[in-house]
Amino acid sequence: MKTAALIVAAGKGIRAGGDVPKQYQLIGGTSVLSRTIQAFLDHRDVDIVQVVIGDNHEALYKAAAGTFDILPPVHGGATRQASVKAGLDALKDQGMEAVLIHDAARPFVDARIISSVIAQLKNTPGSIPVQPVTDTIKYVDNDRVSSTPERARLRAAQTPQAFRFNDILSAHEHAAASRIDSFTDDSSIAEWAGLEVAIVEGAAENQKLTHSADFKEAENAMNSSPPTLNDIRTGNGYDVHAFEPGDAVILCGVSVPHTQKLKGHSDADVGMHTLTDAILGALCEGDIGKHFPPSEPQWKGAASEIFLKKAIELVRERGGVLSHCDVTLVCEEPKIGPHVEAMRESLGKIMGVETNRISVKATTSERLGFTGRGEGIAALATATIRLP
């Protein structure tokens, strides 16, 4: 199911205080919006990301998201509902089957929630994460309590709210044509349009940052002692690819000009394949062939970052982190040295890992063997992960 993440970041965010809207404020040195975008880029089932921004937010947006490989931002409207409609309109021609509509101010959404709302779309047109309500809720009229709803039936809605694309687009179009603009979330529009919306388990961490106290709490949580990750694993990877006629090789996500290219079922990025296998090895999860069989035509010509993102996602789903990785490329030509930094940055962007934890280097085989004869490139990698 081709899926887009639509991130709503058009609000003024003034209740949080500060010099800039809350979606551009920093937590742990990284902007809220940047963290939110990264959460969806890291998920294997999200194909594209569309952000909706406010008027005059272009410079702030560029500082927060300028390096991400996502669709150009679109401008929102006077209400959240209008902003979502603008984002849906921008996605009309992208061939989307599903869309995840998410508040930019929820930067701590995890892969489990994203996977859960997408999976539920096989059964219902809509799906939202919820949390139980712990406080007793009161209906109030003229400053007097009028009634008390049954708490057991109440849930607090979160995002991302997932929908089959054409269904939610039609619902928004119908609401706009009816001049109804008071919906506060997209599941409300779906309900109004008669769409069935299922619920999945949300998470307390997936809170919406609204007030300055929320930011202080989030900052304190990030600065507190992290979970103990005492299970240290190391994995190794090895791969080779032969040359064939071409004009460039893809290595660690970087196109390096050459008189030949590498032969393979995917894009034949031998460096990224090797690193993926090293991470999977540390997890005891087999190799690339187990998760992406070369016998399946869907992977023909595929970008190898798909494989690497999957491996990193598996680490994160188990509550772990990539501590360090080291990739060695073995070839006589092309020269790797001038491209090493670009390769480190490429891998860091794909994995969401600081480049100071990524090593890429190269060596020759002293004109010995198939690499020495210029018949192809070999690669070795070591990855260290930490798990709870």
Protein backbone atom coordinates (compact mmCIF):
# COMPACT_ATOMS: atom_id res chain seq x y z
CA MET A 1 0.00 0.00 0.00
CA LYS A 2 1.66 3.20 -1.20
CA THR A 3 1.63 5.49 1.83
CA ALA A 4 2.34 9.17 2.44
CA ALA A 5 3.02 10.89 5.74
CA LEU A 6 1.35 14.30 5.86
CA ILE A 7 2.88 16.38 8.65
CA VAL A 8 0.89 19.43 9.72
CA ALA A 9 3.31 22.19 10.77
CA ALA A 10 1.38 25.32 9.83
CA GLY A 11 0.37 26.46 13.32
CA LYS A 12 1.69 29.52 15.11
CA GLY A 13 2.52 27.52 18.24
CA ILE A 14 2.38 30.57 20.51
CA ARG A 15 1.21 28.80 23.68
CA ALA A 16 4.63 27.16 24.00
CA GLY A 17 6.34 30.54 24.26
CA GLY A 18 9.75 31.14 22.72
CA ASP A 19 10.93 33.21 19.78
CA VAL A 20 9.73 30.79 17.07
CA PRO A 21 6.69 28.53 16.64
CA LYS A 22 6.89 25.36 18.71
CA GLN A 23 7.50 23.06 15.73
CA TYR A 24 10.81 24.85 15.11
CA GLN A 25 11.98 24.96 18.71
CA LEU A 26 14.82 22.66 19.77
CA ILE A 27 14.75 19.60 21.98
CA GLY A 28 18.12 18.03 22.65
CA GLY A 29 19.67 20.28 20.01
CA THR A 30 17.30 19.16 17.23
CA SER A 31 14.11 20.90 16.12
CA VAL A 32 10.75 19.32 16.88
CA LEU A 33 9.85 19.23 13.17
CA SER A 34 13.14 17.59 12.22
CA ARG A 35 12.57 14.82 14.77
CA THR A 36 9.03 14.30 13.51
CA ILE A 37 10.05 14.05 9.87
CA GLN A 38 12.87 11.64 10.71
CA ALA A 39 10.44 9.29 12.49
CA PHE A 40 8.50 8.79 9.26
CA LEU A 41 11.53 8.69 6.96
CA ASP A 42 12.88 5.86 9.11
CA HIS A 43 9.76 3.74 8.65
CA ARG A 44 9.85 1.17 5.86
CA ASP A 45 6.13 1.50 5.02
CA VAL A 46 6.19 5.27 4.44
CA ASP A 47 6.96 6.12 0.81
CA ILE A 48 6.92 9.92 0.81
CA VAL A 49 6.63 12.78 3.30
CA GLN A 50 4.69 16.00 2.74
CA VAL A 51 4.94 18.88 5.20
CA VAL A 52 2.40 21.72 5.44
CA ILE A 53 3.92 24.96 6.75
CA GLY A 54 2.64 28.38 7.77
CA ASP A 55 3.04 31.67 5.96
CA ASN A 56 6.51 33.21 6.32
CA HIS A 57 7.90 29.95 7.73
CA GLU A 58 10.10 29.18 4.71
CA ALA A 59 13.42 30.06 6.37
CA LEU A 60 12.52 28.21 9.57
CA TYR A 61 11.42 25.18 7.57
CA LYS A 62 14.60 25.15 5.51
CA ALA A 63 16.73 25.22 8.66
CA ALA A 64 14.76 22.33 10.17
CA ALA A 65 14.19 20.13 7.12
CA GLY A 66 16.32 21.41 4.26
CA THR A 67 18.52 18.30 4.09
CA PHE A 68 15.68 15.76 3.99
CA ASP A 69 14.73 14.03 0.75
CA ILE A 70 11.01 14.84 0.90
CA LEU A 71 8.40 16.66 -1.18
CA PRO A 72 8.54 20.48 -1.26
CA PRO A 73 6.41 22.00 1.51
CA VAL A 74 3.00 23.50 0.86
CA HIS A 75 1.36 26.37 2.71
CA GLY A 76 -1.53 25.73 5.04
CA GLY A 77 -4.73 27.63 5.74
CA ALA A 78 -6.38 29.51 8.57
CA THR A 79 -7.38 26.31 10.41
CA ARG A 80 -5.83 22.91 10.93
CA GLN A 81 -8.58 21.44 8.77
CA ALA A 82 -7.72 23.80 5.91
CA SER A 83 -4.01 22.96 6.27
CA VAL A 84 -4.68 19.24 6.04
CA LYS A 85 -6.83 19.84 2.95
CA ALA A 86 -3.93 21.74 1.35
CA GLY A 87 -1.61 18.84 2.05
CA LEU A 88 -4.05 16.28 0.65
CA ASP A 89 -4.47 18.37 -2.49
CA ALA A 90 -0.69 18.44 -2.93
CA LEU A 91 -0.63 14.63 -2.76
CA LYS A 92 -3.42 14.05 -5.29
CA ASP A 93 -1.08 13.26 -8.18
CA GLN A 94 1.32 11.05 -6.18
CA GLY A 95 -0.72 7.85 -6.55
CA MET A 96 -1.15 7.41 -2.81
CA GLU A 97 -3.33 4.62 -1.46
CA ALA A 98 -3.00 5.65 2.20
CA VAL A 99 -2.07 8.74 4.16
CA LEU A 100 -0.88 9.26 7.73
CA ILE A 101 -1.89 12.70 9.03
CA HIS A 102 0.35 13.71 11.91
CA ASP A 103 0.88 16.70 14.18
CA ALA A 104 4.37 18.15 13.79
CA ALA A 105 4.35 18.74 17.55
CA ARG A 106 4.38 15.00 18.30
CA PRO A 107 8.09 14.29 17.66
CA PHE A 108 8.29 11.09 19.71
CA VAL A 109 5.97 8.88 17.68
CA ASP A 110 7.49 5.40 17.36
CA ALA A 111 7.60 2.77 14.64
CA ARG A 112 5.12 0.52 16.44
CA ILE A 113 2.34 3.10 16.31
CA ILE A 114 3.02 3.89 12.65
CA SER A 115 2.98 0.20 11.75
CA SER A 116 -0.22 -0.40 13.73
CA VAL A 117 -2.33 2.32 12.11
CA ILE A 118 -1.17 1.32 8.62
CA ALA A 119 -1.89 -2.37 9.22
CA GLN A 120 -5.43 -1.60 10.43
CA LEU A 121 -6.28 0.00 7.07
CA LYS A 122 -6.62 -3.51 5.64
CA ASN A 123 -9.81 -3.78 7.68
CA THR A 124 -11.23 -0.25 8.01
CA PRO A 125 -11.05 3.05 6.07
CA GLY A 126 -9.48 4.81 9.05
CA SER A 127 -7.35 4.07 12.09
CA ILE A 128 -6.13 6.22 14.98
CA PRO A 129 -3.92 5.66 18.05
CA VAL A 130 -5.58 6.35 21.38
CA GLN A 131 -4.78 6.38 25.08
CA PRO A 132 -7.15 5.70 28.00
CA VAL A 133 -8.46 8.77 29.81
CA THR A 134 -7.36 8.73 33.44
CA ASP A 135 -9.08 11.91 34.68
CA THR A 136 -12.81 12.14 35.26
CA ILE A 137 -14.33 14.31 32.52
CA LYS A 138 -17.20 16.76 33.11
CA TYR A 139 -19.69 18.37 30.76
CA VAL A 140 -20.12 22.02 31.75
CA ASP A 141 -22.84 24.57 30.94
CA ASN A 142 -22.62 28.18 32.20
CA ASP A 143 -19.84 27.33 34.65
CA ARG A 144 -21.85 24.50 36.18
CA VAL A 145 -21.35 20.74 35.86
CA SER A 146 -24.16 19.33 33.75
CA SER A 147 -23.15 15.66 33.54
CA THR A 148 -20.32 13.17 33.75
CA PRO A 149 -19.60 10.81 30.83
CA GLU A 150 -18.63 7.22 31.48
CA ARG A 151 -14.83 7.28 31.65
CA ALA A 152 -14.43 3.66 30.55
CA ARG A 153 -15.70 4.60 27.10
CA LEU A 154 -13.47 7.65 26.68
CA ARG A 155 -10.15 7.70 24.86
CA ALA A 156 -7.67 10.48 24.10
CA ALA A 157 -6.93 10.61 20.37
CA GLN A 158 -3.37 10.91 19.08
CA THR A 159 -1.75 11.03 15.66
CA PRO A 160 -0.76 9.77 13.14
CA GLN A 161 -4.31 9.19 12.00
CA ALA A 162 -4.29 6.84 9.04
CA PHE A 163 -6.83 6.71 6.23
CA ARG A 164 -7.33 5.28 2.81
CA PHE A 165 -6.33 8.26 0.73
CA ASN A 166 -9.35 8.70 -1.55
CA ASP A 167 -11.76 8.28 1.36
CA ILE A 168 -10.29 11.02 3.55
CA LEU A 169 -9.74 13.31 0.56
CA SER A 170 -13.42 12.99 -0.36
CA ALA A 171 -14.43 13.65 3.26
CA HIS A 172 -12.34 16.83 3.37
CA GLU A 173 -13.69 18.00 0.02
CA HIS A 174 -17.26 17.40 1.20
CA ALA A 175 -16.62 19.32 4.44
CA ALA A 176 -15.11 22.24 2.53
CA ALA A 177 -18.02 22.33 0.09
CA SER A 178 -20.42 22.29 3.06
CA ARG A 179 -18.54 25.23 4.64
CA ILE A 180 -17.86 23.24 7.80
CA ASP A 181 -14.46 24.16 9.22
CA SER A 182 -14.74 23.32 12.93
CA PHE A 183 -13.28 19.80 12.96
CA THR A 184 -10.30 19.54 15.31
CA ASP A 185 -8.93 16.25 13.99
CA ASP A 186 -9.30 14.13 10.89
CA SER A 187 -11.07 11.22 12.52
CA SER A 188 -13.90 13.68 13.32
CA ILE A 189 -14.22 14.46 9.62
CA ALA A 190 -14.13 10.75 8.83
CA GLU A 191 -16.91 10.06 11.36
CA TRP A 192 -19.00 12.90 9.93
CA ALA A 193 -18.53 11.42 6.45
CA GLY A 194 -19.67 8.00 7.65
CA LEU A 195 -16.27 6.31 7.54
CA GLU A 196 -15.50 3.59 10.06
CA VAL A 197 -12.47 4.46 12.20
CA ALA A 198 -10.72 1.78 14.23
CA ILE A 199 -8.43 2.37 17.20
CA VAL A 200 -4.97 1.04 18.03
CA GLU A 201 -2.89 1.44 21.15
CA GLY A 202 -1.09 4.75 21.38
CA ALA A 203 1.70 5.69 23.78
CA ALA A 204 2.20 8.19 26.57
CA GLU A 205 5.47 9.27 24.93
CA ASN A 206 3.53 10.28 21.81
CA GLN A 207 2.33 13.43 23.54
CA LYS A 208 1.64 16.68 21.75
CA LEU A 209 3.98 19.47 22.82
CA THR A 210 1.74 22.46 23.54
CA HIS A 211 2.97 24.49 26.51
CA SER A 212 6.43 25.51 27.67
CA ALA A 213 6.15 22.94 30.47
CA ASP A 214 5.83 20.19 27.86
CA PHE A 215 9.13 21.24 26.34
CA LYS A 216 10.84 21.31 29.71
CA GLU A 217 9.53 17.84 30.48
CA ALA A 218 10.69 16.49 27.12
CA GLU A 219 14.12 18.09 27.52
CA ASN A 220 14.49 16.65 31.01
CA ALA A 221 13.50 13.21 29.78
CA MET A 222 16.14 13.35 27.06
CA ASN A 223 18.79 14.55 29.48
CA SER A 224 18.01 11.89 32.08
CA SER A 225 19.85 8.60 32.15
CA PRO A 226 19.00 6.60 29.02
CA PRO A 227 17.71 3.02 29.24
CA THR A 228 20.43 0.56 30.05
CA LEU A 229 21.61 -0.98 26.80
CA ASN A 230 23.93 -3.64 28.15
CA ASP A 231 23.42 -6.20 25.41
CA ILE A 232 26.27 -5.21 23.07
CA ARG A 233 26.27 -7.06 19.74
CA THR A 234 28.74 -7.04 16.86
CA GLY A 235 27.99 -8.23 13.33
CA ASN A 236 30.12 -8.64 10.22
CA GLY A 237 29.23 -8.34 6.55
CA TYR A 238 30.96 -9.24 3.30
CA ASP A 239 29.83 -8.76 -0.29
CA VAL A 240 31.22 -8.59 -3.81
CA HIS A 241 29.87 -7.27 -7.08
CA ALA A 242 31.35 -7.57 -10.54
CA PHE A 243 31.71 -4.71 -12.99
CA GLU A 244 29.66 -4.37 -16.16
CA PRO A 245 29.50 -1.61 -18.78
CA GLY A 246 28.40 1.72 -17.33
CA ASP A 247 29.55 5.17 -16.31
CA ALA A 248 29.33 5.22 -12.49
CA VAL A 249 29.21 3.00 -9.41
CA ILE A 250 26.90 3.50 -6.44
CA LEU A 251 28.81 3.13 -3.18
CA CYS A 252 27.29 3.89 0.24
CA GLY A 253 24.58 5.89 -1.50
CA VAL A 254 26.98 8.05 -3.52
CA SER A 255 27.33 7.94 -7.30
CA VAL A 256 31.05 7.77 -8.15
CA PRO A 257 31.97 8.38 -11.81
CA HIS A 258 33.76 5.40 -13.37
CA THR A 259 34.20 3.64 -16.68
CA GLN A 260 31.98 0.79 -15.45
CA LYS A 261 29.13 0.13 -13.04
CA LEU A 262 28.44 -2.68 -10.60
CA LYS A 263 26.25 -5.58 -11.63
CA GLY A 264 23.44 -6.68 -9.32
CA HIS A 265 19.71 -7.31 -8.92
CA SER A 266 19.23 -4.01 -7.05
CA ASP A 267 21.41 -0.94 -7.56
CA ALA A 268 24.40 -3.13 -6.54
CA ASP A 269 25.62 -0.78 -3.80
CA VAL A 270 28.17 -3.21 -2.40
CA GLY A 271 29.04 -0.96 0.56
CA MET A 272 25.46 -0.55 1.71
CA HIS A 273 24.70 -4.25 1.17
CA THR A 274 27.64 -5.20 3.35
CA LEU A 275 26.68 -2.78 6.13
CA THR A 276 23.08 -4.04 6.04
CA ASP A 277 24.29 -7.61 6.45
CA ALA A 278 26.53 -6.58 9.37
CA ILE A 279 23.58 -4.99 11.21
CA LEU A 280 21.32 -7.96 10.49
CA GLY A 281 24.11 -10.22 11.71
CA ALA A 282 24.33 -8.36 15.00
CA LEU A 283 20.58 -8.88 15.39
CA CYS A 284 20.81 -12.56 14.37
CA GLU A 285 18.22 -11.75 11.69
CA GLY A 286 19.84 -13.47 8.71
CA ASP A 287 20.95 -11.45 5.69
CA ILE A 288 19.55 -9.25 2.93
CA GLY A 289 18.47 -12.28 0.94
CA LYS A 290 16.17 -13.38 3.76
CA HIS A 291 14.32 -10.06 3.89
CA PHE A 292 14.61 -9.03 0.22
CA PRO A 293 14.94 -12.20 -1.91
CA PRO A 294 16.65 -11.49 -5.27
CA SER A 295 14.13 -13.87 -6.83
CA GLU A 296 11.38 -11.28 -6.26
CA PRO A 297 11.12 -8.88 -9.22
CA GLN A 298 10.00 -5.97 -7.01
CA TRP A 299 13.60 -5.56 -5.81
CA LYS A 300 15.08 -5.35 -9.32
CA GLY A 301 16.91 -2.04 -9.54
CA ALA A 302 15.80 -1.08 -6.02
CA ALA A 303 17.72 1.55 -4.07
CA SER A 304 19.83 -0.18 -1.43
CA GLU A 305 18.84 2.38 1.19
CA ILE A 306 15.56 0.44 1.44
CA PHE A 307 17.53 -2.54 2.79
CA LEU A 308 19.61 -0.45 5.19
CA LYS A 309 16.57 1.40 6.56
CA LYS A 310 14.89 -1.95 7.21
CA ALA A 311 17.90 -3.17 9.21
CA ILE A 312 18.01 0.04 11.29
CA GLU A 313 14.28 -0.14 11.87
CA LEU A 314 14.66 -3.67 13.24
CA VAL A 315 17.27 -2.38 15.69
CA ARG A 316 14.96 0.42 16.85
CA GLU A 317 11.93 -1.83 17.13
CA ARG A 318 13.89 -3.78 19.72
CA GLY A 319 14.72 -0.62 21.63
CA GLY A 320 18.33 -0.54 20.46
CA VAL A 321 20.76 1.83 18.79
CA LEU A 322 23.57 1.57 16.29
CA SER A 323 26.67 2.44 18.28
CA HIS A 324 29.26 2.31 15.51
CA CYS A 325 29.87 0.94 12.03
CA ASP A 326 32.93 0.55 9.83
CA VAL A 327 32.85 -0.10 6.08
CA THR A 328 35.93 -1.03 4.02
CA LEU A 329 35.77 -0.92 0.22
CA VAL A 330 38.34 -3.01 -1.66
CA CYS A 331 39.15 -2.00 -5.26
CA GLU A 332 41.85 -0.62 -7.53
CA GLU A 333 39.49 1.81 -9.25
CA PRO A 334 37.65 4.13 -8.85
CA LYS A 335 39.43 6.18 -6.22
CA ILE A 336 37.32 6.22 -3.07
CA GLY A 337 39.16 8.81 -0.95
CA PRO A 338 37.60 11.95 -2.48
CA HIS A 339 34.12 10.57 -1.80
CA VAL A 340 34.49 9.20 1.74
CA GLU A 341 32.92 12.16 3.54
CA ALA A 342 29.95 12.20 1.18
CA MET A 343 29.49 8.48 1.81
CA ARG A 344 29.56 8.95 5.59
CA GLU A 345 26.99 11.74 5.32
CA SER A 346 24.83 9.61 3.04
CA LEU A 347 24.83 6.66 5.44
CA GLY A 348 24.20 8.97 8.39
CA LYS A 349 21.16 10.50 6.72
CA ILE A 350 19.72 7.12 5.78
CA MET A 351 20.24 5.61 9.22
CA GLY A 352 19.58 8.71 11.31
CA VAL A 353 22.98 8.29 12.96
CA GLU A 354 25.68 10.90 13.62
CA THR A 355 28.58 10.70 11.17
CA ASN A 356 31.03 10.46 14.07
CA ARG A 357 29.73 6.92 14.52
CA ILE A 358 30.28 5.98 10.86
CA SER A 359 33.60 4.99 9.30
CA VAL A 360 34.15 4.49 5.57
CA LYS A 361 37.58 3.68 4.20
CA ALA A 362 39.14 1.96 1.22
CA THR A 363 42.10 -0.19 0.33
CA THR A 364 43.44 -2.12 -2.63
CA SER A 365 44.35 -5.78 -2.93
CA GLU A 366 47.80 -4.95 -4.32
CA ARG A 367 46.73 -6.00 -7.84
CA LEU A 368 45.93 -9.51 -6.56
CA GLY A 369 42.73 -11.45 -7.13
CA PHE A 370 39.58 -10.34 -8.93
CA THR A 371 39.62 -6.87 -7.34
CA GLY A 372 43.28 -6.48 -8.28
CA ARG A 373 42.42 -7.36 -11.87
CA GLY A 374 39.71 -4.69 -11.88
CA GLU A 375 36.87 -7.17 -12.25
CA GLY A 376 34.75 -5.80 -9.41
CA ILE A 377 34.60 -4.40 -5.89
CA ALA A 378 34.53 -6.21 -2.54
CA ALA A 379 33.37 -4.74 0.75
CA LEU A 380 33.61 -5.65 4.42
CA ALA A 381 31.68 -4.09 7.29
CA THR A 382 31.44 -4.34 11.05
CA ALA A 383 28.47 -2.98 13.01
CA THR A 384 28.10 -2.62 16.76
CA ILE A 385 24.62 -2.29 18.23
CA ARG A 386 23.36 -1.90 21.79
CA LEU A 387 20.12 -3.54 22.88
CA PRO A 388 18.25 -3.53 26.19
